[in-house]
PDB file of all heavy atoms in Angstrom:
ATOM      1  N   VAL A   1       0.862  -1.178   0.035  1.00  0.00           N
ATOM      2  CA  VAL A   1      -0.002  -0.001   0.000  1.00  0.00           C
ATOM      3  C   VAL A   1       0.898   1.227  -0.002  1.00  0.00           C
ATOM      4  O   VAL A   1       2.061   1.143   0.344  1.00  0.00           O
ATOM      5  CB  VAL A   1      -0.928   0.031   1.222  1.00  0.00           C
ATOM      6  CG1 VAL A   1      -1.852  -1.218   1.218  1.00  0.00           C
ATOM      7  CG2 VAL A   1      -0.138   0.083   2.521  1.00  0.00           C
ATOM      8  N   ARG A   2       0.356   2.384  -0.392  1.00  0.00           N
ATOM      9  CA  ARG A   2       1.179   3.582  -0.420  1.00  0.00           C
ATOM     10  C   ARG A   2       0.907   4.376   0.907  1.00  0.00           C
ATOM     11  O   ARG A   2      -0.219   4.573   1.301  1.00  0.00           O
ATOM     12  CB  ARG A   2       0.848   4.428  -1.610  1.00  0.00           C
ATOM     13  CG  ARG A   2       1.728   5.660  -1.773  1.00  0.00           C
ATOM     14  CD  ARG A   2       1.787   6.154  -3.176  1.00  0.00           C
ATOM     15  NE  ARG A   2       2.401   5.205  -4.057  1.00  0.00           N
ATOM     16  CZ  ARG A   2       3.690   5.142  -4.315  1.00  0.00           C
ATOM     17  NH1 ARG A   2       4.533   5.933  -3.694  1.00  0.00           N
ATOM     18  NH2 ARG A   2       4.184   4.271  -5.177  1.00  0.00           N
ATOM     19  N   MET A   3       2.025   4.747   1.539  1.00  0.00           N
ATOM     20  CA  MET A   3       1.933   5.520   2.786  1.00  0.00           C
ATOM     21  C   MET A   3       2.932   6.629   2.744  1.00  0.00           C
ATOM     22  O   MET A   3       4.136   6.392   2.688  1.00  0.00           O
ATOM     23  CB  MET A   3       2.261   4.557   3.955  1.00  0.00           C
ATOM     24  CG  MET A   3       2.205   5.210   5.340  1.00  0.00           C
ATOM     25  SD  MET A   3       0.511   5.372   5.925  1.00  0.00           S
ATOM     26  CE  MET A   3       0.806   5.978   7.546  1.00  0.00           C
ATOM     27  N   ASP A   4       2.404   7.882   2.673  1.00  0.00           N
ATOM     28  CA  ASP A   4       3.262   9.101   2.608  1.00  0.00           C
ATOM     29  C   ASP A   4       4.298   8.961   1.532  1.00  0.00           C
ATOM     30  O   ASP A   4       5.469   9.305   1.663  1.00  0.00           O
ATOM     31  CB  ASP A   4       3.997   9.233   3.986  1.00  0.00           C
ATOM     32  CG  ASP A   4       2.999   9.474   5.119  1.00  0.00           C
ATOM     33  OD1 ASP A   4       1.914  10.041   4.869  1.00  0.00           O
ATOM     34  OD2 ASP A   4       3.305   9.095   6.250  1.00  0.00           O
ATOM     35  N   GLY A   5       3.831   8.470   0.367  1.00  0.00           N
ATOM     36  CA  GLY A   5       4.693   8.415  -0.828  1.00  0.00           C
ATOM     37  C   GLY A   5       5.543   7.180  -0.977  1.00  0.00           C
ATOM     38  O   GLY A   5       6.232   7.035  -1.952  1.00  0.00           O
ATOM     39  N   ASP A   6       5.516   6.261  -0.004  1.00  0.00           N
ATOM     40  CA  ASP A   6       6.347   5.038  -0.038  1.00  0.00           C
ATOM     41  C   ASP A   6       5.439   3.826  -0.143  1.00  0.00           C
ATOM     42  O   ASP A   6       4.325   3.801   0.337  1.00  0.00           O
ATOM     43  CB  ASP A   6       7.192   4.940   1.247  1.00  0.00           C
ATOM     44  CG  ASP A   6       8.184   6.033   1.323  1.00  0.00           C
ATOM     45  OD1 ASP A   6       8.892   6.280   0.314  1.00  0.00           O
ATOM     46  OD2 ASP A   6       8.387   6.595   2.428  1.00  0.00           O
ATOM     47  N   GLU A   7       5.976   2.781  -0.767  1.00  0.00           N
ATOM     48  CA  GLU A   7       5.308   1.464  -0.802  1.00  0.00           C
ATOM     49  C   GLU A   7       5.634   0.740   0.526  1.00  0.00           C
ATOM     50  O   GLU A   7       6.782   0.553   0.827  1.00  0.00           O
ATOM     51  CB  GLU A   7       5.723   0.663  -2.029  1.00  0.00           C
ATOM     52  CG  GLU A   7       5.302   1.238  -3.357  1.00  0.00           C
ATOM     53  CD  GLU A   7       3.804   1.068  -3.589  1.00  0.00           C
ATOM     54  OE1 GLU A   7       3.286   0.016  -3.268  1.00  0.00           O
ATOM     55  OE2 GLU A   7       3.197   2.014  -4.126  1.00  0.00           O
ATOM     56  N   VAL A   8       4.585   0.301   1.176  1.00  0.00           N
ATOM     57  CA  VAL A   8       4.709  -0.473   2.441  1.00  0.00           C
ATOM     58  C   VAL A   8       3.858  -1.710   2.360  1.00  0.00           C
ATOM     59  O   VAL A   8       2.718  -1.629   1.990  1.00  0.00           O
ATOM     60  CB  VAL A   8       4.280   0.387   3.680  1.00  0.00           C
ATOM     61  CG1 VAL A   8       4.533  -0.381   4.949  1.00  0.00           C
ATOM     62  CG2 VAL A   8       5.002   1.715   3.695  1.00  0.00           C
ATOM     63  N   TYR A   9       4.465  -2.821   2.719  1.00  0.00           N
ATOM     64  CA  TYR A   9       3.728  -4.117   2.686  1.00  0.00           C
ATOM     65  C   TYR A   9       2.875  -4.213   3.942  1.00  0.00           C
ATOM     66  O   TYR A   9       3.335  -3.887   5.046  1.00  0.00           O
ATOM     67  CB  TYR A   9       4.692  -5.297   2.686  1.00  0.00           C
ATOM     68  CG  TYR A   9       4.087  -6.636   2.691  1.00  0.00           C
ATOM     69  CD1 TYR A   9       3.478  -7.236   1.560  1.00  0.00           C
ATOM     70  CD2 TYR A   9       4.027  -7.363   3.910  1.00  0.00           C
ATOM     71  CE1 TYR A   9       2.900  -8.490   1.656  1.00  0.00           C
ATOM     72  CE2 TYR A   9       3.460  -8.626   4.013  1.00  0.00           C
ATOM     73  CZ  TYR A   9       2.882  -9.182   2.871  1.00  0.00           C
ATOM     74  OH  TYR A   9       2.349 -10.449   2.912  1.00  0.00           O
ATOM     75  N   VAL A  10       1.654  -4.681   3.784  1.00  0.00           N
ATOM     76  CA  VAL A  10       0.744  -4.979   4.944  1.00  0.00           C
ATOM     77  C   VAL A  10       0.175  -6.389   4.791  1.00  0.00           C
ATOM     78  O   VAL A  10      -0.079  -6.854   3.658  1.00  0.00           O
ATOM     79  CB  VAL A  10      -0.360  -3.956   5.096  1.00  0.00           C
ATOM     80  CG1 VAL A  10       0.231  -2.608   5.433  1.00  0.00           C
ATOM     81  CG2 VAL A  10      -1.251  -3.865   3.907  1.00  0.00           C
ATOM     82  N   ASP A  11      -0.034  -7.029   5.874  1.00  0.00           N
ATOM     83  CA  ASP A  11      -0.692  -8.307   5.977  1.00  0.00           C
ATOM     84  C   ASP A  11      -1.620  -8.196   7.142  1.00  0.00           C
ATOM     85  O   ASP A  11      -1.170  -8.380   8.318  1.00  0.00           O
ATOM     86  CB  ASP A  11       0.310  -9.443   6.124  1.00  0.00           C
ATOM     87  CG  ASP A  11      -0.327 -10.834   6.264  1.00  0.00           C
ATOM     88  OD1 ASP A  11      -1.568 -10.912   6.409  1.00  0.00           O
ATOM     89  OD2 ASP A  11       0.428 -11.827   6.272  1.00  0.00           O
ATOM     90  N   CYS A  12      -2.891  -7.859   6.923  1.00  0.00           N
ATOM     91  CA  CYS A  12      -3.768  -7.451   8.032  1.00  0.00           C
ATOM     92  C   CYS A  12      -5.202  -7.719   7.677  1.00  0.00           C
ATOM     93  O   CYS A  12      -5.568  -7.699   6.498  1.00  0.00           O
ATOM     94  CB  CYS A  12      -3.575  -5.998   8.385  1.00  0.00           C
ATOM     95  SG  CYS A  12      -3.794  -4.846   7.004  1.00  0.00           S
ATOM     96  N   ALA A  13      -6.048  -8.035   8.678  1.00  0.00           N
ATOM     97  CA  ALA A  13      -7.438  -8.297   8.453  1.00  0.00           C
ATOM     98  C   ALA A  13      -8.187  -8.213   9.771  1.00  0.00           C
ATOM     99  O   ALA A  13      -7.586  -8.223  10.860  1.00  0.00           O
ATOM    100  CB  ALA A  13      -7.639  -9.681   7.862  1.00  0.00           C
ATOM    101  N   VAL A  14      -9.489  -8.110   9.692  1.00  0.00           N
ATOM    102  CA  VAL A  14     -10.318  -8.055  10.885  1.00  0.00           C
ATOM    103  C   VAL A  14     -11.490  -8.971  10.767  1.00  0.00           C
ATOM    104  O   VAL A  14     -11.947  -9.380   9.663  1.00  0.00           O
ATOM    105  CB  VAL A  14     -10.839  -6.586  11.134  1.00  0.00           C
ATOM    106  CG1 VAL A  14      -9.740  -5.653  11.467  1.00  0.00           C
ATOM    107  CG2 VAL A  14     -11.685  -6.123   9.944  1.00  0.00           C
ATOM    108  N   SER A  15     -11.970  -9.363  11.943  1.00  0.00           N
ATOM    109  CA  SER A  15     -13.202 -10.174  12.026  1.00  0.00           C
ATOM    110  C   SER A  15     -14.160  -9.403  12.908  1.00  0.00           C
ATOM    111  O   SER A  15     -13.803  -8.438  13.589  1.00  0.00           O
ATOM    112  CB  SER A  15     -12.903 -11.520  12.638  1.00  0.00           C
ATOM    113  OG  SER A  15     -12.793 -11.448  14.045  1.00  0.00           O
ATOM    114  N   SER A  16     -15.461  -9.841  12.842  1.00  0.00           N
ATOM    115  CA  SER A  16     -16.387  -9.314  13.769  1.00  0.00           C
ATOM    116  C   SER A  16     -16.057  -9.721  15.189  1.00  0.00           C
ATOM    117  O   SER A  16     -15.284 -10.662  15.412  1.00  0.00           O
ATOM    118  CB  SER A  16     -17.813  -9.719  13.394  1.00  0.00           C
ATOM    119  OG  SER A  16     -17.945 -11.131  13.498  1.00  0.00           O
ATOM    120  N   CYS A  17     -16.697  -9.104  16.188  1.00  0.00           N
ATOM    121  CA  CYS A  17     -16.451  -9.393  17.574  1.00  0.00           C
ATOM    122  C   CYS A  17     -17.718 -10.039  18.119  1.00  0.00           C
ATOM    123  O   CYS A  17     -18.685  -9.294  18.379  1.00  0.00           O
ATOM    124  CB  CYS A  17     -16.038  -8.172  18.329  1.00  0.00           C
ATOM    125  SG  CYS A  17     -15.576  -8.412  20.044  1.00  0.00           S
ATOM    126  N   ALA A  18     -17.737 -11.322  18.359  1.00  0.00           N
ATOM    127  CA  ALA A  18     -18.955 -12.020  18.732  1.00  0.00           C
ATOM    128  C   ALA A  18     -19.260 -11.945  20.209  1.00  0.00           C
ATOM    129  O   ALA A  18     -20.431 -11.946  20.606  1.00  0.00           O
ATOM    130  CB  ALA A  18     -18.879 -13.495  18.320  1.00  0.00           C
ATOM    131  N   VAL A  19     -18.220 -11.859  21.056  1.00  0.00           N
ATOM    132  CA  VAL A  19     -18.429 -11.822  22.492  1.00  0.00           C
ATOM    133  C   VAL A  19     -17.455 -10.818  23.123  1.00  0.00           C
ATOM    134  O   VAL A  19     -16.454 -10.460  22.493  1.00  0.00           O
ATOM    135  CB  VAL A  19     -18.125 -13.215  23.122  1.00  0.00           C
ATOM    136  CG1 VAL A  19     -19.159 -14.265  22.642  1.00  0.00           C
ATOM    137  CG2 VAL A  19     -16.708 -13.724  22.750  1.00  0.00           C
ATOM    138  N   PRO A  20     -17.760 -10.318  24.338  1.00  0.00           N
ATOM    139  CA  PRO A  20     -16.794  -9.439  24.992  1.00  0.00           C
ATOM    140  C   PRO A  20     -15.484 -10.162  25.305  1.00  0.00           C
ATOM    141  O   PRO A  20     -15.469 -11.325  25.644  1.00  0.00           O
ATOM    142  CB  PRO A  20     -17.533  -9.088  26.304  1.00  0.00           C
ATOM    143  CG  PRO A  20     -18.968  -9.416  26.073  1.00  0.00           C
ATOM    144  CD  PRO A  20     -18.998 -10.523  25.107  1.00  0.00           C
ATOM    145  N   PHE A  21     -14.386  -9.426  25.105  1.00  0.00           N
ATOM    146  CA  PHE A  21     -13.097 -10.004  25.378  1.00  0.00           C
ATOM    147  C   PHE A  21     -12.432  -9.312  26.536  1.00  0.00           C
ATOM    148  O   PHE A  21     -12.212  -8.145  26.535  1.00  0.00           O
ATOM    149  CB  PHE A  21     -12.208  -9.876  24.156  1.00  0.00           C
ATOM    150  CG  PHE A  21     -12.476 -10.936  23.110  1.00  0.00           C
ATOM    151  CD1 PHE A  21     -13.444 -10.735  22.124  1.00  0.00           C
ATOM    152  CD2 PHE A  21     -11.784 -12.129  23.068  1.00  0.00           C
ATOM    153  CE1 PHE A  21     -13.728 -11.679  21.202  1.00  0.00           C
ATOM    154  CE2 PHE A  21     -12.069 -13.098  22.151  1.00  0.00           C
ATOM    155  CZ  PHE A  21     -13.007 -12.847  21.182  1.00  0.00           C
ATOM    156  N   ASP A  22     -12.154 -10.113  27.597  1.00  0.00           N
ATOM    157  CA  ASP A  22     -11.406  -9.603  28.734  1.00  0.00           C
ATOM    158  C   ASP A  22      -9.909  -9.808  28.541  1.00  0.00           C
ATOM    159  O   ASP A  22      -9.503 -10.818  27.893  1.00  0.00           O
ATOM    160  CB  ASP A  22     -11.869 -10.303  30.007  1.00  0.00           C
ATOM    161  CG  ASP A  22     -13.336 -10.052  30.344  1.00  0.00           C
ATOM    162  OD1 ASP A  22     -13.773  -8.900  30.061  1.00  0.00           O
ATOM    163  OD2 ASP A  22     -14.004 -10.935  30.809  1.00  0.00           O
ATOM    164  N   GLY A  23      -9.111  -8.947  29.070  1.00  0.00           N
ATOM    165  CA  GLY A  23      -7.686  -9.146  29.038  1.00  0.00           C
ATOM    166  C   GLY A  23      -7.034  -8.780  27.691  1.00  0.00           C
ATOM    167  O   GLY A  23      -5.872  -9.160  27.470  1.00  0.00           O
ATOM    168  N   MET A  24      -7.745  -8.176  26.800  1.00  0.00           N
ATOM    169  CA  MET A  24      -7.121  -7.723  25.540  1.00  0.00           C
ATOM    170  C   MET A  24      -6.206  -6.558  25.809  1.00  0.00           C
ATOM    171  O   MET A  24      -6.487  -5.731  26.687  1.00  0.00           O
ATOM    172  CB  MET A  24      -8.220  -7.317  24.551  1.00  0.00           C
ATOM    173  CG  MET A  24      -9.015  -8.480  23.999  1.00  0.00           C
ATOM    174  SD  MET A  24      -7.997  -9.659  23.044  1.00  0.00           S
ATOM    175  CE  MET A  24      -7.547  -8.616  21.651  1.00  0.00           C
ATOM    176  N   PRO A  25      -5.102  -6.496  25.061  1.00  0.00           N
ATOM    177  CA  PRO A  25      -4.199  -5.343  25.218  1.00  0.00           C
ATOM    178  C   PRO A  25      -4.828  -4.064  24.890  1.00  0.00           C
ATOM    179  O   PRO A  25      -5.656  -3.917  23.966  1.00  0.00           O
ATOM    180  CB  PRO A  25      -3.003  -5.679  24.287  1.00  0.00           C
ATOM    181  CG  PRO A  25      -3.595  -6.610  23.253  1.00  0.00           C
ATOM    182  CD  PRO A  25      -4.626  -7.392  23.983  1.00  0.00           C
ATOM    183  N   ARG A  26      -4.519  -3.043  25.704  1.00  0.00           N
ATOM    184  CA  ARG A  26      -4.945  -1.633  25.420  1.00  0.00           C
ATOM    185  C   ARG A  26      -3.677  -0.822  25.381  1.00  0.00           C
ATOM    186  O   ARG A  26      -2.768  -1.026  26.178  1.00  0.00           O
ATOM    187  CB  ARG A  26      -5.895  -1.159  26.456  1.00  0.00           C
ATOM    188  CG  ARG A  26      -7.198  -2.001  26.514  1.00  0.00           C
ATOM    189  CD  ARG A  26      -8.120  -1.578  27.636  1.00  0.00           C
ATOM    190  NE  ARG A  26      -8.709  -0.287  27.336  1.00  0.00           N
ATOM    191  CZ  ARG A  26      -9.541   0.318  28.222  1.00  0.00           C
ATOM    192  NH1 ARG A  26      -9.719  -0.193  29.417  1.00  0.00           N
ATOM    193  NH2 ARG A  26     -10.090   1.495  27.872  1.00  0.00           N
ATOM    194  N   PHE A  27      -3.659   0.139  24.468  1.00  0.00           N
ATOM    195  CA  PHE A  27      -2.412   0.837  24.177  1.00  0.00           C
ATOM    196  C   PHE A  27      -2.463   2.276  24.562  1.00  0.00           C
ATOM    197  O   PHE A  27      -3.564   2.904  24.639  1.00  0.00           O
ATOM    198  CB  PHE A  27      -2.104   0.709  22.658  1.00  0.00           C
ATOM    199  CG  PHE A  27      -2.251  -0.737  22.152  1.00  0.00           C
ATOM    200  CD1 PHE A  27      -3.396  -1.146  21.538  1.00  0.00           C
ATOM    201  CD2 PHE A  27      -1.215  -1.632  22.350  1.00  0.00           C
ATOM    202  CE1 PHE A  27      -3.539  -2.452  21.093  1.00  0.00           C
ATOM    203  CE2 PHE A  27      -1.345  -2.933  21.897  1.00  0.00           C
ATOM    204  CZ  PHE A  27      -2.494  -3.342  21.292  1.00  0.00           C
ATOM    205  N   SER A  28      -1.311   2.858  24.837  1.00  0.00           N
ATOM    206  CA  SER A  28      -1.256   4.272  25.169  1.00  0.00           C
ATOM    207  C   SER A  28      -1.300   5.161  23.959  1.00  0.00           C
ATOM    208  O   SER A  28      -1.457   6.358  24.010  1.00  0.00           O
ATOM    209  CB  SER A  28       0.022   4.606  26.016  1.00  0.00           C
ATOM    210  OG  SER A  28       1.147   4.303  25.232  1.00  0.00           O
ATOM    211  N   GLY A  29      -1.184   4.559  22.796  1.00  0.00           N
ATOM    212  CA  GLY A  29      -1.174   5.285  21.526  1.00  0.00           C
ATOM    213  C   GLY A  29      -0.492   4.442  20.441  1.00  0.00           C
ATOM    214  O   GLY A  29      -0.277   3.221  20.610  1.00  0.00           O
ATOM    215  N   THR A  30      -0.083   5.062  19.363  1.00  0.00           N
ATOM    216  CA  THR A  30       0.699   4.441  18.292  1.00  0.00           C
ATOM    217  C   THR A  30       1.959   5.235  18.045  1.00  0.00           C
ATOM    218  O   THR A  30       1.961   6.432  18.350  1.00  0.00           O
ATOM    219  CB  THR A  30      -0.118   4.249  17.018  1.00  0.00           C
ATOM    220  OG1 THR A  30      -0.463   5.540  16.532  1.00  0.00           O
ATOM    221  CG2 THR A  30      -1.391   3.474  17.261  1.00  0.00           C
ATOM    222  N   ALA A  31       2.935   4.583  17.484  1.00  0.00           N
ATOM    223  CA  ALA A  31       4.197   5.286  17.201  1.00  0.00           C
ATOM    224  C   ALA A  31       4.912   4.563  16.095  1.00  0.00           C
ATOM    225  O   ALA A  31       4.662   3.370  15.785  1.00  0.00           O
ATOM    226  CB  ALA A  31       5.057   5.366  18.482  1.00  0.00           C
ATOM    227  N   ALA A  32       5.893   5.227  15.496  1.00  0.00           N
ATOM    228  CA  ALA A  32       6.817   4.601  14.570  1.00  0.00           C
ATOM    229  C   ALA A  32       7.968   3.963  15.269  1.00  0.00           C
ATOM    230  O   ALA A  32       8.503   4.506  16.252  1.00  0.00           O
ATOM    231  CB  ALA A  32       7.361   5.600  13.570  1.00  0.00           C
ATOM    232  N   ALA A  33       8.356   2.753  14.909  1.00  0.00           N
ATOM    233  CA  ALA A  33       9.425   2.002  15.574  1.00  0.00           C
ATOM    234  C   ALA A  33      10.754   2.612  15.114  1.00  0.00           C
ATOM    235  O   ALA A  33      10.944   2.965  13.952  1.00  0.00           O
ATOM    236  CB  ALA A  33       9.385   0.549  15.262  1.00  0.00           C
ATOM    237  N   GLU A  34      11.707   2.670  16.017  1.00  0.00           N
ATOM    238  CA  GLU A  34      13.064   3.168  15.721  1.00  0.00           C
ATOM    239  C   GLU A  34      14.078   2.072  15.832  1.00  0.00           C
ATOM    240  O   GLU A  34      13.970   1.228  16.746  1.00  0.00           O
ATOM    241  CB  GLU A  34      13.465   4.295  16.683  1.00  0.00           C
ATOM    242  CG  GLU A  34      12.539   5.531  16.614  1.00  0.00           C
ATOM    243  CD  GLU A  34      12.672   6.295  15.315  1.00  0.00           C
ATOM    244  OE1 GLU A  34      13.722   6.129  14.635  1.00  0.00           O
ATOM    245  OE2 GLU A  34      11.750   7.076  14.972  1.00  0.00           O
TER     246      GLU A  34
END
């Protein structure tokens, strides 16, 4: 996919959420890895 003028590979998908999930990770935000 194109991101800010660069080609970046992604392998990603989503499903519906059938039941409540306890203990799922929650994040403080997102960032670029260094």
